[in-house]
Amino acid sequence: MEISEKLLCLFSADVREEDGEYVVEVPRREVETGSIEAGETYRVALIDRGGGGESDERDGASASAGDGPQPPVEPGEMRYVEIEDLGKQGDGIARVERGYVIIVPDTEVGERVKIEVTEVKSNFAVGEVIDEDV
C-alpha cells in the first residue's frame, strides 16, 4: 500500500453510531500535538485492520508496532528541520515524512535548526536544538 506524503496522522479508531450518524473519533493527542486542528475539514481514509471479525479491545493507544507505519525518526538521530508552527505551549513544531511532528522547544517559526531526537512516540517526537546556524 502506498502512503501519501500528505498524511498528517495515523491512528486506530472504532466507528460508532450516534444520533443516526456514524462517528469516528479523532484522539485528543492528534489535535494537541498540532497534527490537525478542530473545526477544519480533512480527507479521511479507512484501512482494513486485516483481521476481520470482531474488533479487539483497545485502551485508546495507537495500534501495535505491526499494525501501521513506524515513526520516521529514532532516538539519537540528528536532523535538519524547519520550524513551521508553534504549539499551544509555545514550542516549535516541525514536520517530516508523512507529516510526522517533531516538537522543538525554544525555537521560532521559520528557524532552520539541527536537532537531536530525544524522545519518540507513535505520533510525535521531541528534539533538542544542537545547532541554530544552519
N, C-alpha and C. Protein backbone atom coordinates (compact mmCIF):
# COMPACT_ATOMS: atom_id res chain seq x y z
N MET A 1 0.85 -1.17 0.00
CA MET A 1 0.00 0.00 0.00
C MET A 1 0.89 1.24 0.00
N GLU A 2 0.57 2.19 -0.84
CA GLU A 2 1.32 3.44 -0.91
C GLU A 2 0.70 4.44 0.07
N ILE A 3 1.55 5.13 0.83
CA ILE A 3 1.07 6.11 1.80
C ILE A 3 1.46 7.49 1.30
N SER A 4 0.49 8.38 1.21
CA SER A 4 0.71 9.73 0.70
C SER A 4 1.64 10.52 1.61
N GLU A 5 2.46 11.36 0.99
CA GLU A 5 3.32 12.27 1.75
C GLU A 5 2.48 13.32 2.49
N LYS A 6 1.21 13.46 2.12
CA LYS A 6 0.32 14.43 2.76
C LYS A 6 -0.31 13.90 4.03
N LEU A 7 -0.01 12.65 4.41
CA LEU A 7 -0.58 12.05 5.62
C LEU A 7 -0.20 12.88 6.83
N LEU A 8 -1.18 13.35 7.58
CA LEU A 8 -0.94 14.18 8.77
C LEU A 8 -0.85 13.36 10.04
N CYS A 9 -1.64 12.30 10.13
CA CYS A 9 -1.62 11.47 11.32
C CYS A 9 -2.22 10.11 10.99
N LEU A 10 -1.93 9.15 11.85
CA LEU A 10 -2.44 7.80 11.68
C LEU A 10 -2.78 7.26 13.05
N PHE A 11 -4.00 6.75 13.20
CA PHE A 11 -4.43 6.22 14.49
C PHE A 11 -5.50 5.17 14.25
N SER A 12 -5.76 4.36 15.25
CA SER A 12 -6.83 3.37 15.18
C SER A 12 -8.05 3.93 15.91
N ALA A 13 -9.24 3.67 15.34
CA ALA A 13 -10.47 4.16 15.96
C ALA A 13 -11.61 3.23 15.58
N ASP A 14 -12.61 3.20 16.43
CA ASP A 14 -13.82 2.45 16.14
C ASP A 14 -14.84 3.37 15.48
N VAL A 15 -15.70 2.81 14.66
CA VAL A 15 -16.82 3.55 14.07
C VAL A 15 -18.03 3.22 14.93
N ARG A 16 -18.74 4.25 15.38
CA ARG A 16 -19.92 4.01 16.21
C ARG A 16 -21.09 4.83 15.68
N GLU A 17 -22.30 4.36 16.00
CA GLU A 17 -23.50 5.08 15.59
C GLU A 17 -23.90 6.01 16.72
N GLU A 18 -24.24 7.26 16.34
CA GLU A 18 -24.64 8.26 17.33
C GLU A 18 -25.68 9.18 16.70
N ASP A 19 -26.88 9.16 17.21
CA ASP A 19 -27.97 10.01 16.71
C ASP A 19 -28.19 9.85 15.20
N GLY A 20 -28.17 8.60 14.72
CA GLY A 20 -28.44 8.34 13.32
C GLY A 20 -27.28 8.60 12.38
N GLU A 21 -26.10 8.94 12.92
CA GLU A 21 -24.91 9.16 12.10
C GLU A 21 -23.82 8.21 12.58
N TYR A 22 -22.83 8.00 11.74
CA TYR A 22 -21.68 7.19 12.13
C TYR A 22 -20.51 8.11 12.43
N VAL A 23 -19.84 7.85 13.54
CA VAL A 23 -18.82 8.75 14.05
C VAL A 23 -17.49 8.01 14.22
N VAL A 24 -16.41 8.66 13.78
CA VAL A 24 -15.05 8.18 14.03
C VAL A 24 -14.39 9.26 14.87
N GLU A 25 -13.98 8.91 16.09
CA GLU A 25 -13.37 9.90 16.97
C GLU A 25 -11.89 10.05 16.68
N VAL A 26 -11.42 11.30 16.65
CA VAL A 26 -10.00 11.60 16.49
C VAL A 26 -9.41 11.74 17.88
N PRO A 27 -8.33 11.01 18.18
CA PRO A 27 -7.72 11.12 19.51
C PRO A 27 -7.28 12.55 19.82
N ARG A 28 -7.51 12.96 21.04
CA ARG A 28 -7.16 14.30 21.51
C ARG A 28 -5.70 14.65 21.20
N ARG A 29 -4.82 13.66 21.32
CA ARG A 29 -3.38 13.92 21.12
C ARG A 29 -3.08 14.42 19.71
N GLU A 30 -3.89 14.05 18.72
CA GLU A 30 -3.65 14.48 17.34
C GLU A 30 -3.88 15.99 17.20
N VAL A 31 -4.84 16.52 17.95
CA VAL A 31 -5.10 17.95 17.93
C VAL A 31 -4.08 18.66 18.81
N GLU A 32 -3.81 18.12 19.98
CA GLU A 32 -2.88 18.76 20.92
C GLU A 32 -1.46 18.85 20.40
N THR A 33 -1.04 17.88 19.58
CA THR A 33 0.32 17.91 19.03
C THR A 33 0.41 18.74 17.76
N GLY A 34 -0.72 19.27 17.31
CA GLY A 34 -0.68 20.14 16.15
C GLY A 34 -0.80 19.44 14.82
N SER A 35 -1.05 18.13 14.81
CA SER A 35 -1.19 17.41 13.55
C SER A 35 -2.40 17.92 12.77
N ILE A 36 -3.49 18.18 13.49
CA ILE A 36 -4.73 18.66 12.88
C ILE A 36 -5.36 19.69 13.79
N GLU A 37 -6.33 20.44 13.26
CA GLU A 37 -6.99 21.47 14.05
C GLU A 37 -8.50 21.20 14.11
N ALA A 38 -9.06 21.39 15.28
CA ALA A 38 -10.51 21.25 15.44
C ALA A 38 -11.21 22.26 14.56
N GLY A 39 -12.32 21.87 13.98
CA GLY A 39 -13.10 22.78 13.14
C GLY A 39 -12.69 22.78 11.68
N GLU A 40 -11.57 22.19 11.34
CA GLU A 40 -11.11 22.11 9.95
C GLU A 40 -11.67 20.86 9.30
N THR A 41 -11.65 20.81 7.98
CA THR A 41 -12.12 19.65 7.24
C THR A 41 -10.93 18.91 6.65
N TYR A 42 -10.93 17.59 6.77
CA TYR A 42 -9.84 16.75 6.29
C TYR A 42 -10.40 15.59 5.49
N ARG A 43 -9.60 15.05 4.60
CA ARG A 43 -9.96 13.81 3.91
C ARG A 43 -9.60 12.67 4.84
N VAL A 44 -10.45 11.66 4.89
CA VAL A 44 -10.24 10.53 5.79
C VAL A 44 -10.15 9.25 4.96
N ALA A 45 -9.14 8.44 5.23
CA ALA A 45 -9.01 7.14 4.58
C ALA A 45 -9.20 6.07 5.64
N LEU A 46 -9.98 5.05 5.33
CA LEU A 46 -10.18 3.95 6.26
C LEU A 46 -9.44 2.74 5.72
N ILE A 47 -8.64 2.12 6.54
CA ILE A 47 -7.82 0.98 6.14
C ILE A 47 -8.26 -0.24 6.94
N ASP A 48 -8.53 -1.33 6.25
CA ASP A 48 -8.93 -2.57 6.91
C ASP A 48 -7.83 -3.01 7.87
N ARG A 49 -8.22 -3.39 9.08
CA ARG A 49 -7.25 -3.86 10.07
C ARG A 49 -6.59 -5.14 9.63
N GLY A 50 -7.21 -5.86 8.71
CA GLY A 50 -6.61 -7.10 8.23
C GLY A 50 -7.10 -8.33 8.95
N GLY A 51 -7.68 -8.19 10.14
CA GLY A 51 -8.10 -9.36 10.89
C GLY A 51 -9.54 -9.76 10.63
N GLY A 52 -10.37 -8.79 10.22
CA GLY A 52 -11.78 -9.08 10.03
C GLY A 52 -12.43 -9.43 11.35
N GLY A 53 -13.72 -9.73 11.33
CA GLY A 53 -14.40 -10.16 12.56
C GLY A 53 -14.57 -9.05 13.56
N GLU A 54 -14.72 -9.46 14.82
CA GLU A 54 -14.97 -8.51 15.90
C GLU A 54 -13.75 -7.65 16.18
N SER A 55 -13.99 -6.41 16.58
CA SER A 55 -12.86 -5.54 16.93
C SER A 55 -12.36 -5.93 18.31
N ASP A 56 -11.04 -5.81 18.49
CA ASP A 56 -10.48 -6.14 19.79
C ASP A 56 -10.50 -4.92 20.70
N GLU A 57 -10.35 -5.14 21.98
CA GLU A 57 -10.37 -4.05 22.93
C GLU A 57 -9.07 -3.27 22.84
N ARG A 58 -9.19 -1.95 22.82
CA ARG A 58 -8.01 -1.08 22.80
C ARG A 58 -8.18 -0.07 23.92
N ASP A 59 -7.05 0.39 24.45
CA ASP A 59 -7.12 1.35 25.55
C ASP A 59 -6.96 2.78 25.06
N GLY A 60 -7.18 3.01 23.75
CA GLY A 60 -7.05 4.35 23.21
C GLY A 60 -5.67 4.61 22.67
N ALA A 61 -4.75 3.69 22.86
CA ALA A 61 -3.40 3.88 22.35
C ALA A 61 -3.36 3.54 20.88
N SER A 62 -2.29 3.95 20.23
CA SER A 62 -2.12 3.61 18.82
C SER A 62 -1.97 2.13 18.66
N ALA A 63 -2.18 1.67 17.44
CA ALA A 63 -2.05 0.25 17.15
C ALA A 63 -0.64 -0.23 17.44
N SER A 64 -0.49 -1.54 17.64
CA SER A 64 0.83 -2.08 17.95
C SER A 64 1.77 -1.91 16.78
N ALA A 65 3.05 -2.13 16.99
CA ALA A 65 4.10 -1.87 16.01
C ALA A 65 3.82 -2.51 14.66
N GLY A 66 3.20 -3.66 14.61
CA GLY A 66 2.98 -4.34 13.35
C GLY A 66 1.76 -3.82 12.59
N ASP A 67 0.94 -2.95 13.18
CA ASP A 67 -0.31 -2.53 12.56
C ASP A 67 -0.19 -1.29 11.69
N GLY A 68 0.90 -0.59 11.70
CA GLY A 68 0.99 0.63 10.92
C GLY A 68 2.42 1.07 10.75
N PRO A 69 2.60 2.18 10.06
CA PRO A 69 3.95 2.67 9.84
C PRO A 69 4.62 3.05 11.15
N GLN A 70 5.90 2.83 11.20
CA GLN A 70 6.68 3.22 12.36
C GLN A 70 7.07 4.69 12.25
N PRO A 71 7.38 5.36 13.37
CA PRO A 71 7.83 6.75 13.29
C PRO A 71 9.05 6.84 12.38
N PRO A 72 9.15 7.92 11.60
CA PRO A 72 10.26 8.06 10.66
C PRO A 72 11.56 8.54 11.30
N VAL A 73 11.60 8.64 12.63
CA VAL A 73 12.82 9.04 13.33
C VAL A 73 13.09 8.08 14.47
N GLU A 74 14.34 8.11 14.95
CA GLU A 74 14.74 7.27 16.08
C GLU A 74 15.45 8.14 17.13
N PRO A 75 15.39 7.74 18.40
CA PRO A 75 16.13 8.49 19.43
C PRO A 75 17.61 8.57 19.08
N GLY A 76 18.19 9.74 19.26
CA GLY A 76 19.61 9.94 18.98
C GLY A 76 19.89 10.38 17.55
N GLU A 77 18.90 10.31 16.69
CA GLU A 77 19.08 10.71 15.29
C GLU A 77 19.24 12.22 15.18
N MET A 78 20.14 12.65 14.31
CA MET A 78 20.34 14.08 14.03
C MET A 78 19.55 14.43 12.78
N ARG A 79 18.88 15.57 12.79
CA ARG A 79 18.06 16.02 11.65
C ARG A 79 18.18 17.52 11.50
N TYR A 80 18.07 17.98 10.26
CA TYR A 80 17.88 19.39 9.98
C TYR A 80 16.39 19.59 9.74
N VAL A 81 15.77 20.50 10.47
CA VAL A 81 14.33 20.73 10.33
C VAL A 81 14.05 22.22 10.26
N GLU A 82 12.91 22.55 9.69
CA GLU A 82 12.44 23.93 9.68
C GLU A 82 11.20 24.01 10.55
N ILE A 83 11.16 24.98 11.42
CA ILE A 83 10.03 25.15 12.32
C ILE A 83 8.89 25.81 11.54
N GLU A 84 7.77 25.10 11.44
CA GLU A 84 6.63 25.53 10.64
C GLU A 84 5.53 26.20 11.44
N ASP A 85 5.49 25.91 12.73
CA ASP A 85 4.36 26.37 13.52
C ASP A 85 4.77 26.39 14.98
N LEU A 86 3.94 26.98 15.83
CA LEU A 86 4.15 26.94 17.28
C LEU A 86 3.00 26.19 17.92
N GLY A 87 3.32 25.32 18.89
CA GLY A 87 2.30 24.60 19.63
C GLY A 87 1.65 25.51 20.65
N LYS A 88 0.64 25.01 21.32
CA LYS A 88 -0.10 25.80 22.31
C LYS A 88 0.75 26.26 23.47
N GLN A 89 1.83 25.51 23.75
CA GLN A 89 2.72 25.88 24.86
C GLN A 89 3.93 26.68 24.37
N GLY A 90 3.92 27.06 23.08
CA GLY A 90 4.98 27.91 22.55
C GLY A 90 6.17 27.17 21.98
N ASP A 91 6.13 25.84 21.97
CA ASP A 91 7.23 25.06 21.40
C ASP A 91 7.13 25.05 19.89
N GLY A 92 8.30 25.02 19.23
CA GLY A 92 8.32 24.94 17.77
C GLY A 92 7.85 23.58 17.30
N ILE A 93 7.21 23.56 16.13
CA ILE A 93 6.73 22.32 15.53
C ILE A 93 7.30 22.20 14.13
N ALA A 94 7.98 21.09 13.89
CA ALA A 94 8.49 20.76 12.55
C ALA A 94 7.77 19.51 12.09
N ARG A 95 7.61 19.38 10.78
CA ARG A 95 7.00 18.17 10.21
C ARG A 95 7.99 17.53 9.26
N VAL A 96 8.08 16.22 9.35
CA VAL A 96 8.98 15.47 8.46
C VAL A 96 8.15 14.48 7.66
N GLU A 97 8.69 13.37 7.26
CA GLU A 97 7.98 12.42 6.41
C GLU A 97 6.57 12.12 6.91
N ARG A 98 5.63 12.05 5.95
CA ARG A 98 4.22 11.72 6.21
C ARG A 98 3.57 12.67 7.21
N GLY A 99 4.10 13.87 7.37
CA GLY A 99 3.52 14.84 8.28
C GLY A 99 3.81 14.59 9.74
N TYR A 100 4.74 13.66 10.02
CA TYR A 100 5.10 13.31 11.40
C TYR A 100 5.65 14.56 12.10
N VAL A 101 5.18 14.82 13.31
CA VAL A 101 5.51 16.03 14.05
C VAL A 101 6.71 15.82 14.97
N ILE A 102 7.63 16.81 14.94
CA ILE A 102 8.73 16.86 15.91
C ILE A 102 8.59 18.18 16.66
N ILE A 103 8.46 18.10 17.97
CA ILE A 103 8.34 19.28 18.83
C ILE A 103 9.75 19.71 19.23
N VAL A 104 10.06 21.00 19.00
CA VAL A 104 11.40 21.51 19.28
C VAL A 104 11.26 22.75 20.17
N PRO A 105 11.47 22.59 21.49
CA PRO A 105 11.35 23.73 22.40
C PRO A 105 12.36 24.84 22.07
N ASP A 106 12.03 26.05 22.46
CA ASP A 106 12.90 27.23 22.33
C ASP A 106 13.26 27.55 20.88
N THR A 107 12.30 27.42 19.98
CA THR A 107 12.51 27.79 18.58
C THR A 107 11.36 28.66 18.11
N GLU A 108 11.56 29.32 16.97
CA GLU A 108 10.56 30.21 16.40
C GLU A 108 10.20 29.77 14.98
N VAL A 109 9.02 30.14 14.53
CA VAL A 109 8.58 29.82 13.18
C VAL A 109 9.58 30.38 12.17
N GLY A 110 9.94 29.57 11.20
CA GLY A 110 10.88 29.97 10.15
C GLY A 110 12.33 29.59 10.43
N GLU A 111 12.65 29.27 11.68
CA GLU A 111 14.02 28.86 12.01
C GLU A 111 14.34 27.52 11.37
N ARG A 112 15.56 27.36 10.88
CA ARG A 112 16.04 26.08 10.38
C ARG A 112 17.16 25.68 11.33
N VAL A 113 16.99 24.55 12.00
CA VAL A 113 17.93 24.14 13.05
C VAL A 113 18.33 22.68 12.89
N LYS A 114 19.48 22.35 13.44
CA LYS A 114 19.91 20.95 13.53
C LYS A 114 19.48 20.47 14.91
N ILE A 115 18.78 19.32 14.94
CA ILE A 115 18.30 18.80 16.21
C ILE A 115 18.79 17.38 16.43
N GLU A 116 18.76 16.98 17.69
CA GLU A 116 18.92 15.58 18.06
C GLU A 116 17.57 15.13 18.59
N VAL A 117 17.06 14.03 18.06
CA VAL A 117 15.78 13.49 18.51
C VAL A 117 16.01 12.86 19.88
N THR A 118 15.28 13.34 20.89
CA THR A 118 15.50 12.86 22.25
C THR A 118 14.41 11.90 22.74
N GLU A 119 13.21 12.00 22.14
CA GLU A 119 12.10 11.15 22.56
C GLU A 119 11.23 10.85 21.34
N VAL A 120 10.80 9.60 21.19
CA VAL A 120 9.98 9.21 20.05
C VAL A 120 8.72 8.51 20.55
N LYS A 121 7.57 9.02 20.11
CA LYS A 121 6.27 8.40 20.38
C LYS A 121 5.67 8.00 19.04
N SER A 122 4.55 7.29 19.06
CA SER A 122 3.95 6.83 17.82
C SER A 122 3.50 7.97 16.91
N ASN A 123 3.08 9.09 17.50
CA ASN A 123 2.55 10.17 16.67
C ASN A 123 3.33 11.48 16.75
N PHE A 124 4.39 11.54 17.53
CA PHE A 124 5.24 12.73 17.56
C PHE A 124 6.57 12.39 18.21
N ALA A 125 7.53 13.29 18.03
CA ALA A 125 8.84 13.15 18.67
C ALA A 125 9.21 14.49 19.28
N VAL A 126 10.22 14.48 20.13
CA VAL A 126 10.75 15.70 20.72
C VAL A 126 12.21 15.78 20.32
N GLY A 127 12.64 16.98 19.92
CA GLY A 127 14.03 17.18 19.53
C GLY A 127 14.66 18.32 20.29
N GLU A 128 15.97 18.26 20.45
CA GLU A 128 16.73 19.29 21.15
C GLU A 128 17.64 19.97 20.14
N VAL A 129 17.67 21.30 20.14
CA VAL A 129 18.49 22.04 19.20
C VAL A 129 19.97 21.78 19.48
N ILE A 130 20.69 21.39 18.43
CA ILE A 130 22.14 21.16 18.51
C ILE A 130 22.88 22.33 17.89
N ASP A 131 22.34 22.86 16.77
CA ASP A 131 22.98 23.97 16.06
C ASP A 131 21.90 24.86 15.49
N GLU A 132 21.98 26.17 15.83
CA GLU A 132 20.97 27.12 15.35
C GLU A 132 21.36 27.78 14.05
N ASP A 133 22.60 27.68 13.64
CA ASP A 133 23.10 28.40 12.47
C ASP A 133 23.20 27.50 11.25
N VAL A 134 22.04 27.00 10.76
CA VAL A 134 22.07 26.14 9.57
C VAL A 134 21.25 26.74 8.45
